[in-house]
Structure formats: structure tokens, C-alpha cells
Amino acid sequence: MVTFADHIGPALGMIVAWFLSTGLIAWAANRAPRTFGTSLIVGGLAGLIGLGAVIYAGAGSSPAAAYLSFAGALAIWGWHELAFLTGACAGPRRGPASGADGRWARFAEGSAAILHHEIALALTALLLVGICWQQPNRTGAEAFALLFLLRLSTKINLHVGVPNFSDDLLPPQMAYLKTYFRRRPFGAVLAVSILGTVALAGWLGWRAAGLEPGSGAATGASLVFALAALGALEHMFLGLPLRDGALWRWAIPAQSPDRIRGGGYGL
């Protein structure tokens, strides 16, 4: 049975946390470069606290433990995203695409622009999975791994080409990344990605609904399901003429009017 306390409440809480945390990262990354050092230190401390939360909550089986583990994963993810958007950890290529012909040449350039960040995310995902592998509460590891997979899918689609993408949150120091995105008609890669993310969200929702009401497992599964559902929605936005990045326009400092557009998967 789907109840508010066990399933709907956690899903709504996840949406609020995703919205506010994405806005906070956008605000910090779009400030003056002289503030980046302080922001990265604060973000790093938050990430370390988040790691401690995932480790501590791993042995718990209550709804509170599920919330704590999920919040810890978001804190770690936020640190990674802040490091990326401030330019502290991106890739060995720090300039626009050369316009080289050939699919593999473009793929190599695009990969080099984000390589270090993607490696850091993959290693962190493996670390969290390893920490939570034998634990009763794996919410944090599942959430972080899901975020990584959704992000990877989005980047592949942006490289191949999609009908629509918004970039309202991309700060000036990362403006060169827009040269690696392509606009193309709705294609097979995007179609498979949408179907895959919708199917994944559906399976996670079915899993959550079948767990014991009142348990930490049900709460954690609902949090992960809501995250997958948002990921599926963002994949749909790649094929629709909608500016999802406008949701966080309030977070971008007014003193930086020459922002390029760029969002998608802040969190």
C-alpha cells in the first residue's frame, strides 16, 4: 500500500532537497571567482560530513537512517558538482571544441573536457557501494550511483545531439562546454535513454511500493525512486522545447548578466 509517510512524503522531501541543493550550487558557482576557494572548502567539509553520514547510517534500518544516508549522498554529490562548475575539477582539456571532423575525434575532445570529474564520480560511487555493500541501509550508495548513471546518460545524449537542452546554470568559467553540445532531431539514442530511465523509475517505484510500510527500506527505496523519476523527466526535457534550467534563475547572482545557458543534472 502506498502511504504518505512511507512513500509520498520521502518523494516530496527528495524533490525539495534536489531543488534547493541545485540552486545553492548554482549560486556558489556563479559568484565571483575570488569566492571559489571558500566555497570549495565549505563544500568539501559538507562532503566529508556526508561521507560520515553514509557510513554511520549504513548500519541503521529506520526511516531516519534512510534520510540521513540519502542526505549524505547529496552532500557528496554537491561537492563534486561544485568542484566541476567552479573549474577546480573538470578535465585536461580546458577550451572549446576544435571543430575537428570525425565522430571519434569529437568524442575524444568532449571526454577530455570532463574526464577528471567523471573519474572522480566513478571512484566515489565505487567507494560508497563498497562501504554499503554488506550494510542493511544502502540508500546513499544507491542514490549516488543512480545520479552518476543519469549524468553519464545525459552527457552521452548531449554529445550525440538532442533537440533541446537548457544551460541556464552553467557559469562563465565553464562556457566552453557548450561547444561540445549538439542540437539534432530526436534520435534513437535519446529514445532508448528515455525508455530506459522510465523503465528504471517504474521498477524502483514497484520495489518501493512492495516493501514493508514503516520500514527504513521503504523510505530509502522511495527516495531513490523519486530521484530516478526526476532523471527520467530531465531526459524527456532533452526532447521537448522546455527550459527546465529557468527553475533556478533565482539562484544566479544578478551581477553576472552574461551567463550562458546550461543546466541539467546539477543534482
C-alpha atoms as a PDB file:
ATOM      1  CA  MET A   1       0.000   0.000   0.000  1.00  0.00           C
ATOM      2  CA  VAL A   2       1.320   3.447  -0.948  1.00  0.00           C
ATOM      3  CA  THR A   3       1.134   5.767   2.060  1.00  0.00           C
ATOM      4  CA  PHE A   4       2.215   9.355   2.590  1.00  0.00           C
ATOM      5  CA  ALA A   5       4.595   8.616   5.458  1.00  0.00           C
ATOM      6  CA  ASP A   6       6.324   5.690   3.761  1.00  0.00           C
ATOM      7  CA  HIS A   7       6.404   6.716   0.106  1.00  0.00           C
ATOM      8  CA  ILE A   8       4.847  10.050  -0.892  1.00  0.00           C
ATOM      9  CA  GLY A   9       6.466  12.027   1.928  1.00  0.00           C
ATOM     10  CA  PRO A  10      10.021  10.833   1.152  1.00  0.00           C
ATOM     11  CA  ALA A  11       9.477  11.527  -2.556  1.00  0.00           C
ATOM     12  CA  LEU A  12       8.346  15.088  -1.876  1.00  0.00           C
ATOM     13  CA  GLY A  13      11.248  15.584   0.525  1.00  0.00           C
ATOM     14  CA  MET A  14      13.681  14.417  -2.141  1.00  0.00           C
ATOM     15  CA  ILE A  15      12.268  16.883  -4.671  1.00  0.00           C
ATOM     16  CA  VAL A  16      12.643  19.786  -2.235  1.00  0.00           C
ATOM     17  CA  ALA A  17      16.216  18.745  -1.359  1.00  0.00           C
ATOM     18  CA  TRP A  18      17.115  18.402  -5.059  1.00  0.00           C
ATOM     19  CA  PHE A  19      15.637  21.806  -5.911  1.00  0.00           C
ATOM     20  CA  LEU A  20      17.317  23.706  -3.062  1.00  0.00           C
ATOM     21  CA  SER A  21      20.697  21.975  -3.310  1.00  0.00           C
ATOM     22  CA  THR A  22      20.882  22.556  -7.068  1.00  0.00           C
ATOM     23  CA  GLY A  23      20.080  26.222  -6.528  1.00  0.00           C
ATOM     24  CA  LEU A  24      22.743  26.525  -3.828  1.00  0.00           C
ATOM     25  CA  ILE A  25      25.409  25.027  -6.092  1.00  0.00           C
ATOM     26  CA  ALA A  26      24.344  27.295  -8.972  1.00  0.00           C
ATOM     27  CA  TRP A  27      24.591  30.324  -6.697  1.00  0.00           C
ATOM     28  CA  ALA A  28      28.070  29.401  -5.444  1.00  0.00           C
ATOM     29  CA  ALA A  29      29.429  28.546  -8.907  1.00  0.00           C
ATOM     30  CA  ASN A  30      28.112  31.758 -10.456  1.00  0.00           C
ATOM     31  CA  ARG A  31      29.687  34.090  -7.916  1.00  0.00           C
ATOM     32  CA  ALA A  32      32.975  35.948  -8.360  1.00  0.00           C
ATOM     33  CA  PRO A  33      35.990  33.625  -8.828  1.00  0.00           C
ATOM     34  CA  ARG A  34      37.623  35.017  -5.686  1.00  0.00           C
ATOM     35  CA  THR A  35      34.912  33.273  -3.644  1.00  0.00           C
ATOM     36  CA  PHE A  36      35.559  29.821  -5.126  1.00  0.00           C
ATOM     37  CA  GLY A  37      38.252  28.852  -2.620  1.00  0.00           C
ATOM     38  CA  THR A  38      35.951  29.414   0.345  1.00  0.00           C
ATOM     39  CA  SER A  39      33.056  27.687  -1.411  1.00  0.00           C
ATOM     40  CA  LEU A  40      35.177  24.635  -2.181  1.00  0.00           C
ATOM     41  CA  ILE A  41      36.380  24.403   1.417  1.00  0.00           C
ATOM     42  CA  VAL A  42      32.807  24.621   2.726  1.00  0.00           C
ATOM     43  CA  GLY A  43      31.645  22.151   0.075  1.00  0.00           C
ATOM     44  CA  GLY A  44      34.490  19.797   0.931  1.00  0.00           C
ATOM     45  CA  LEU A  45      33.615  19.851   4.620  1.00  0.00           C
ATOM     46  CA  ALA A  46      29.977  19.179   3.715  1.00  0.00           C
ATOM     47  CA  GLY A  47      31.096  16.284   1.521  1.00  0.00           C
ATOM     48  CA  LEU A  48      33.183  14.772   4.324  1.00  0.00           C
ATOM     49  CA  ILE A  49      30.274  15.124   6.737  1.00  0.00           C
ATOM     50  CA  GLY A  50      28.092  13.485   4.097  1.00  0.00           C
ATOM     51  CA  LEU A  51      30.522  10.582   3.818  1.00  0.00           C
ATOM     52  CA  GLY A  52      30.427  10.176   7.580  1.00  0.00           C
ATOM     53  CA  ALA A  53      26.629  10.225   7.453  1.00  0.00           C
ATOM     54  CA  VAL A  54      26.520   7.458   4.841  1.00  0.00           C
ATOM     55  CA  ILE A  55      28.921   5.329   6.887  1.00  0.00           C
ATOM     56  CA  TYR A  56      27.092   5.955  10.164  1.00  0.00           C
ATOM     57  CA  ALA A  57      23.617   5.419   8.730  1.00  0.00           C
ATOM     58  CA  GLY A  58      24.619   2.261   6.884  1.00  0.00           C
ATOM     59  CA  ALA A  59      24.029   0.104   9.946  1.00  0.00           C
ATOM     60  CA  GLY A  60      20.594   1.626  10.622  1.00  0.00           C
ATOM     61  CA  SER A  61      17.265   0.276   9.469  1.00  0.00           C
ATOM     62  CA  SER A  62      14.945   3.127  10.426  1.00  0.00           C
ATOM     63  CA  PRO A  63      13.398   5.779   8.148  1.00  0.00           C
ATOM     64  CA  ALA A  64      15.647   8.368   9.814  1.00  0.00           C
ATOM     65  CA  ALA A  65      18.711   6.347   8.806  1.00  0.00           C
ATOM     66  CA  ALA A  66      17.469   6.268   5.200  1.00  0.00           C
ATOM     67  CA  TYR A  67      17.009  10.052   5.170  1.00  0.00           C
ATOM     68  CA  LEU A  68      20.454  10.581   6.702  1.00  0.00           C
ATOM     69  CA  SER A  69      22.159   8.309   4.192  1.00  0.00           C
ATOM     70  CA  PHE A  70      20.404   9.989   1.287  1.00  0.00           C
ATOM     71  CA  ALA A  71      21.280  13.468   2.565  1.00  0.00           C
ATOM     72  CA  GLY A  72      24.890  12.366   2.919  1.00  0.00           C
ATOM     73  CA  ALA A  73      24.975  11.197  -0.694  1.00  0.00           C
ATOM     74  CA  LEU A  74      23.559  14.547  -1.866  1.00  0.00           C
ATOM     75  CA  ALA A  75      26.223  16.404   0.117  1.00  0.00           C
ATOM     76  CA  ILE A  76      28.984  14.349  -1.509  1.00  0.00           C
ATOM     77  CA  TRP A  77      27.456  14.840  -4.953  1.00  0.00           C
ATOM     78  CA  GLY A  78      27.129  18.556  -4.347  1.00  0.00           C
ATOM     79  CA  TRP A  79      30.829  18.812  -3.520  1.00  0.00           C
ATOM     80  CA  HIS A  80      31.718  17.098  -6.790  1.00  0.00           C
ATOM     81  CA  GLU A  81      29.401  19.329  -8.788  1.00  0.00           C
ATOM     82  CA  LEU A  82      30.735  22.481  -7.162  1.00  0.00           C
ATOM     83  CA  ALA A  83      34.293  21.403  -7.980  1.00  0.00           C
ATOM     84  CA  PHE A  84      33.220  20.868 -11.584  1.00  0.00           C
ATOM     85  CA  LEU A  85      31.270  24.086 -12.083  1.00  0.00           C
ATOM     86  CA  THR A  86      33.950  26.253 -10.493  1.00  0.00           C
ATOM     87  CA  GLY A  87      36.510  24.657 -12.820  1.00  0.00           C
ATOM     88  CA  ALA A  88      38.522  23.084  -9.994  1.00  0.00           C
ATOM     89  CA  CYS A  89      37.995  19.547 -11.325  1.00  0.00           C
ATOM     90  CA  ALA A  90      36.880  19.175 -14.927  1.00  0.00           C
ATOM     91  CA  GLY A  91      39.293  17.613 -17.400  1.00  0.00           C
ATOM     92  CA  PRO A  92      42.668  18.069 -19.103  1.00  0.00           C
ATOM     93  CA  ARG A  93      41.030  19.991 -21.961  1.00  0.00           C
ATOM     94  CA  ARG A  94      40.012  23.474 -20.793  1.00  0.00           C
ATOM     95  CA  GLY A  95      38.921  25.097 -24.025  1.00  0.00           C
ATOM     96  CA  PRO A  96      36.241  24.924 -26.714  1.00  0.00           C
ATOM     97  CA  ALA A  97      35.891  22.157 -29.257  1.00  0.00           C
ATOM     98  CA  SER A  98      38.286  22.445 -32.185  1.00  0.00           C
ATOM     99  CA  GLY A  99      35.642  21.577 -34.742  1.00  0.00           C
ATOM    100  CA  ALA A 100      37.599  18.513 -35.809  1.00  0.00           C
ATOM    101  CA  ASP A 101      35.827  16.197 -38.239  1.00  0.00           C
ATOM    102  CA  GLY A 102      35.053  12.648 -37.267  1.00  0.00           C
ATOM    103  CA  ARG A 103      32.859  11.126 -34.600  1.00  0.00           C
ATOM    104  CA  TRP A 104      35.749   9.720 -32.574  1.00  0.00           C
ATOM    105  CA  ALA A 105      37.722  12.956 -32.692  1.00  0.00           C
ATOM    106  CA  ARG A 106      34.764  14.862 -31.266  1.00  0.00           C
ATOM    107  CA  PHE A 107      34.180  12.165 -28.663  1.00  0.00           C
ATOM    108  CA  ALA A 108      37.817  12.291 -27.565  1.00  0.00           C
ATOM    109  CA  GLU A 109      37.724  16.071 -27.192  1.00  0.00           C
ATOM    110  CA  GLY A 110      34.440  16.024 -25.307  1.00  0.00           C
ATOM    111  CA  SER A 111      35.652  13.289 -22.984  1.00  0.00           C
ATOM    112  CA  ALA A 112      38.859  15.189 -22.253  1.00  0.00           C
ATOM    113  CA  ALA A 113      36.824  18.238 -21.233  1.00  0.00           C
ATOM    114  CA  ILE A 114      35.131  16.367 -18.349  1.00  0.00           C
ATOM    115  CA  LEU A 115      37.411  13.362 -17.803  1.00  0.00           C
ATOM    116  CA  HIS A 116      38.786  14.123 -14.338  1.00  0.00           C
ATOM    117  CA  HIS A 117      35.358  14.891 -12.951  1.00  0.00           C
ATOM    118  CA  GLU A 118      33.810  11.721 -14.333  1.00  0.00           C
ATOM    119  CA  ILE A 119      36.650   9.600 -12.943  1.00  0.00           C
ATOM    120  CA  ALA A 120      36.209  11.215  -9.529  1.00  0.00           C
ATOM    121  CA  LEU A 121      32.473  10.473  -9.615  1.00  0.00           C
ATOM    122  CA  ALA A 122      33.031   6.857 -10.651  1.00  0.00           C
ATOM    123  CA  LEU A 123      35.602   6.261  -7.919  1.00  0.00           C
ATOM    124  CA  THR A 124      33.322   7.828  -5.312  1.00  0.00           C
ATOM    125  CA  ALA A 125      30.417   5.672  -6.454  1.00  0.00           C
ATOM    126  CA  LEU A 126      32.571   2.562  -6.132  1.00  0.00           C
ATOM    127  CA  LEU A 127      33.705   3.687  -2.671  1.00  0.00           C
ATOM    128  CA  LEU A 128      30.144   4.186  -1.441  1.00  0.00           C
ATOM    129  CA  VAL A 129      28.973   0.884  -2.918  1.00  0.00           C
ATOM    130  CA  GLY A 130      31.876  -0.856  -1.207  1.00  0.00           C
ATOM    131  CA  ILE A 131      31.117   0.797   2.128  1.00  0.00           C
ATOM    132  CA  CYS A 132      27.409  -0.075   2.000  1.00  0.00           C
ATOM    133  CA  TRP A 133      27.669  -3.484   0.328  1.00  0.00           C
ATOM    134  CA  GLN A 134      27.066  -5.569   3.446  1.00  0.00           C
ATOM    135  CA  GLN A 135      25.002  -2.948   5.281  1.00  0.00           C
ATOM    136  CA  PRO A 136      21.222  -3.006   5.761  1.00  0.00           C
ATOM    137  CA  ASN A 137      20.904   0.614   4.610  1.00  0.00           C
ATOM    138  CA  ARG A 138      22.316   1.180   1.128  1.00  0.00           C
ATOM    139  CA  THR A 139      20.264   4.283   0.312  1.00  0.00           C
ATOM    140  CA  GLY A 140      23.234   6.634  -0.006  1.00  0.00           C
ATOM    141  CA  ALA A 141      25.212   4.335  -2.275  1.00  0.00           C
ATOM    142  CA  GLU A 142      22.183   3.660  -4.481  1.00  0.00           C
ATOM    143  CA  ALA A 143      21.362   7.364  -4.765  1.00  0.00           C
ATOM    144  CA  PHE A 144      24.918   8.390  -5.677  1.00  0.00           C
ATOM    145  CA  ALA A 145      25.344   5.570  -8.193  1.00  0.00           C
ATOM    146  CA  LEU A 146      21.994   6.465  -9.768  1.00  0.00           C
ATOM    147  CA  LEU A 147      22.987  10.126 -10.044  1.00  0.00           C
ATOM    148  CA  PHE A 148      26.218   9.109 -11.745  1.00  0.00           C
ATOM    149  CA  LEU A 149      24.459   6.866 -14.271  1.00  0.00           C
ATOM    150  CA  LEU A 150      21.832   9.504 -15.059  1.00  0.00           C
ATOM    151  CA  ARG A 151      24.519  12.129 -15.528  1.00  0.00           C
ATOM    152  CA  LEU A 152      26.518   9.838 -17.819  1.00  0.00           C
ATOM    153  CA  SER A 153      23.439   9.130 -19.915  1.00  0.00           C
ATOM    154  CA  THR A 154      22.723  12.841 -20.236  1.00  0.00           C
ATOM    155  CA  LYS A 155      26.280  13.658 -21.314  1.00  0.00           C
ATOM    156  CA  ILE A 156      26.199  10.932 -23.956  1.00  0.00           C
ATOM    157  CA  ASN A 157      22.965  12.346 -25.344  1.00  0.00           C
ATOM    158  CA  LEU A 158      24.347  15.883 -25.389  1.00  0.00           C
ATOM    159  CA  HIS A 159      27.375  14.622 -27.308  1.00  0.00           C
ATOM    160  CA  VAL A 160      25.301  12.689 -29.839  1.00  0.00           C
ATOM    161  CA  GLY A 161      22.822  15.528 -30.169  1.00  0.00           C
ATOM    162  CA  VAL A 162      19.331  16.297 -28.835  1.00  0.00           C
ATOM    163  CA  PRO A 163      16.508  18.596 -29.993  1.00  0.00           C
ATOM    164  CA  ASN A 164      16.650  20.738 -26.855  1.00  0.00           C
ATOM    165  CA  PHE A 165      18.921  21.468 -23.956  1.00  0.00           C
ATOM    166  CA  SER A 166      18.943  24.294 -21.445  1.00  0.00           C
ATOM    167  CA  ASP A 167      22.099  25.675 -19.933  1.00  0.00           C
ATOM    168  CA  ASP A 168      20.875  28.343 -17.554  1.00  0.00           C
ATOM    169  CA  LEU A 169      23.100  27.215 -14.686  1.00  0.00           C
ATOM    170  CA  LEU A 170      26.416  26.884 -16.487  1.00  0.00           C
ATOM    171  CA  PRO A 171      28.748  29.621 -15.138  1.00  0.00           C
ATOM    172  CA  PRO A 172      31.025  31.763 -17.340  1.00  0.00           C
ATOM    173  CA  GLN A 173      34.198  29.860 -16.451  1.00  0.00           C
ATOM    174  CA  MET A 174      32.689  26.708 -17.946  1.00  0.00           C
ATOM    175  CA  ALA A 175      31.181  28.415 -21.007  1.00  0.00           C
ATOM    176  CA  TYR A 176      33.414  26.460 -23.361  1.00  0.00           C
ATOM    177  CA  LEU A 177      31.482  23.283 -22.587  1.00  0.00           C
ATOM    178  CA  LYS A 178      28.557  24.453 -24.720  1.00  0.00           C
ATOM    179  CA  THR A 179      30.726  23.934 -27.821  1.00  0.00           C
ATOM    180  CA  TYR A 180      30.619  20.191 -27.144  1.00  0.00           C
ATOM    181  CA  PHE A 181      26.796  20.035 -27.130  1.00  0.00           C
ATOM    182  CA  ARG A 182      24.881  19.370 -30.342  1.00  0.00           C
ATOM    183  CA  ARG A 183      21.329  20.060 -31.438  1.00  0.00           C
ATOM    184  CA  ARG A 184      19.888  17.314 -33.605  1.00  0.00           C
ATOM    185  CA  PRO A 185      16.429  15.893 -34.285  1.00  0.00           C
ATOM    186  CA  PHE A 186      15.010  13.342 -31.893  1.00  0.00           C
ATOM    187  CA  GLY A 187      17.054  10.182 -32.403  1.00  0.00           C
ATOM    188  CA  ALA A 188      17.404   6.578 -31.347  1.00  0.00           C
ATOM    189  CA  VAL A 189      19.895   7.241 -28.530  1.00  0.00           C
ATOM    190  CA  LEU A 190      17.560   9.684 -26.796  1.00  0.00           C
ATOM    191  CA  ALA A 191      14.568   7.397 -27.337  1.00  0.00           C
ATOM    192  CA  VAL A 192      16.382   4.447 -25.759  1.00  0.00           C
ATOM    193  CA  SER A 193      17.570   6.667 -22.899  1.00  0.00           C
ATOM    194  CA  ILE A 194      14.051   7.894 -22.146  1.00  0.00           C
ATOM    195  CA  LEU A 195      12.591   4.394 -22.283  1.00  0.00           C
ATOM    196  CA  GLY A 196      15.410   3.073 -20.117  1.00  0.00           C
ATOM    197  CA  THR A 197      15.091   5.756 -17.438  1.00  0.00           C
ATOM    198  CA  VAL A 198      11.298   5.457 -17.365  1.00  0.00           C
ATOM    199  CA  ALA A 199      11.563   1.671 -17.026  1.00  0.00           C
ATOM    200  CA  LEU A 200      14.138   2.040 -14.263  1.00  0.00           C
ATOM    201  CA  ALA A 201      11.967   4.530 -12.393  1.00  0.00           C
ATOM    202  CA  GLY A 202       8.974   2.237 -12.794  1.00  0.00           C
ATOM    203  CA  TRP A 203      10.880  -0.740 -11.402  1.00  0.00           C
ATOM    204  CA  LEU A 204      12.192   1.285  -8.464  1.00  0.00           C
ATOM    205  CA  GLY A 205       8.671   2.535  -7.739  1.00  0.00           C
ATOM    206  CA  TRP A 206       7.317  -1.015  -7.839  1.00  0.00           C
ATOM    207  CA  ARG A 207      10.099  -2.109  -5.484  1.00  0.00           C
ATOM    208  CA  ALA A 208       9.349   0.704  -3.047  1.00  0.00           C
ATOM    209  CA  ALA A 209       5.598   0.017  -3.033  1.00  0.00           C
ATOM    210  CA  GLY A 210       6.208  -3.636  -2.190  1.00  0.00           C
ATOM    211  CA  LEU A 211       8.336  -3.040   0.892  1.00  0.00           C
ATOM    212  CA  GLU A 212       7.057  -3.164   4.443  1.00  0.00           C
ATOM    213  CA  PRO A 213       5.249   0.059   5.415  1.00  0.00           C
ATOM    214  CA  GLY A 214       7.011   1.991   8.145  1.00  0.00           C
ATOM    215  CA  SER A 215      10.390   0.463   7.428  1.00  0.00           C
ATOM    216  CA  GLY A 216      13.586   2.276   6.615  1.00  0.00           C
ATOM    217  CA  ALA A 217      13.859   0.153   3.483  1.00  0.00           C
ATOM    218  CA  ALA A 218      10.554   1.544   2.183  1.00  0.00           C
ATOM    219  CA  THR A 219      11.642   5.122   2.892  1.00  0.00           C
ATOM    220  CA  GLY A 220      15.020   4.658   1.230  1.00  0.00           C
ATOM    221  CA  ALA A 221      13.517   2.955  -1.807  1.00  0.00           C
ATOM    222  CA  SER A 222      11.006   5.787  -2.210  1.00  0.00           C
ATOM    223  CA  LEU A 223      13.788   8.372  -2.089  1.00  0.00           C
ATOM    224  CA  VAL A 224      15.723   6.537  -4.788  1.00  0.00           C
ATOM    225  CA  PHE A 225      12.565   6.073  -6.877  1.00  0.00           C
ATOM    226  CA  ALA A 226      11.808   9.816  -6.783  1.00  0.00           C
ATOM    227  CA  LEU A 227      15.356  10.557  -7.895  1.00  0.00           C
ATOM    228  CA  ALA A 228      15.001   8.151 -10.824  1.00  0.00           C
ATOM    229  CA  ALA A 229      11.658   9.691 -11.777  1.00  0.00           C
ATOM    230  CA  LEU A 230      13.247  13.148 -11.889  1.00  0.00           C
ATOM    231  CA  GLY A 231      16.057  11.721 -14.011  1.00  0.00           C
ATOM    232  CA  ALA A 232      13.539  10.305 -16.464  1.00  0.00           C
ATOM    233  CA  LEU A 233      11.772  13.683 -16.586  1.00  0.00           C
ATOM    234  CA  GLU A 234      15.025  15.506 -17.323  1.00  0.00           C
ATOM    235  CA  HIS A 235      15.726  13.084 -20.169  1.00  0.00           C
ATOM    236  CA  MET A 236      12.290  13.933 -21.584  1.00  0.00           C
ATOM    237  CA  PHE A 237      13.182  17.630 -21.386  1.00  0.00           C
ATOM    238  CA  LEU A 238      16.023  16.938 -23.823  1.00  0.00           C
ATOM    239  CA  GLY A 239      13.409  16.254 -26.469  1.00  0.00           C
ATOM    240  CA  LEU A 240      10.915  18.978 -25.527  1.00  0.00           C
ATOM    241  CA  PRO A 241      11.139  22.761 -26.011  1.00  0.00           C
ATOM    242  CA  LEU A 242      11.151  23.474 -22.281  1.00  0.00           C
ATOM    243  CA  ARG A 243      13.694  25.467 -20.282  1.00  0.00           C
ATOM    244  CA  ASP A 244      13.980  23.465 -17.048  1.00  0.00           C
ATOM    245  CA  GLY A 245      17.034  25.493 -16.043  1.00  0.00           C
ATOM    246  CA  ALA A 246      14.763  28.537 -15.607  1.00  0.00           C
ATOM    247  CA  LEU A 247      13.589  26.954 -12.344  1.00  0.00           C
ATOM    248  CA  TRP A 248      16.838  28.108 -10.743  1.00  0.00           C
ATOM    249  CA  ARG A 249      17.082  31.565 -12.276  1.00  0.00           C
ATOM    250  CA  TRP A 250      16.644  32.962  -8.768  1.00  0.00           C
ATOM    251  CA  ALA A 251      19.930  31.364  -7.698  1.00  0.00           C
ATOM    252  CA  ILE A 252      22.130  33.086 -10.290  1.00  0.00           C
ATOM    253  CA  PRO A 253      23.673  36.337  -8.983  1.00  0.00           C
ATOM    254  CA  ALA A 254      22.289  39.384 -10.770  1.00  0.00           C
ATOM    255  CA  GLN A 255      25.742  40.926 -11.168  1.00  0.00           C
ATOM    256  CA  SER A 256      26.677  38.331 -13.795  1.00  0.00           C
ATOM    257  CA  PRO A 257      24.386  39.134 -16.746  1.00  0.00           C
ATOM    258  CA  ASP A 258      26.451  37.434 -19.459  1.00  0.00           C
ATOM    259  CA  ARG A 259      25.776  33.884 -18.371  1.00  0.00           C
ATOM    260  CA  ILE A 260      25.402  31.281 -20.999  1.00  0.00           C
ATOM    261  CA  ARG A 261      22.511  28.893 -20.633  1.00  0.00           C
ATOM    262  CA  GLY A 262      23.289  25.441 -19.123  1.00  0.00           C
ATOM    263  CA  GLY A 263      21.537  23.188 -16.575  1.00  0.00           C
ATOM    264  CA  GLY A 264      20.698  19.555 -16.372  1.00  0.00           C
ATOM    265  CA  TYR A 265      21.879  17.384 -13.542  1.00  0.00           C
ATOM    266  CA  GLY A 266      23.221  19.870 -11.113  1.00  0.00           C
ATOM    267  CA  LEU A 267      21.946  17.216  -8.751  1.00  0.00           C
END
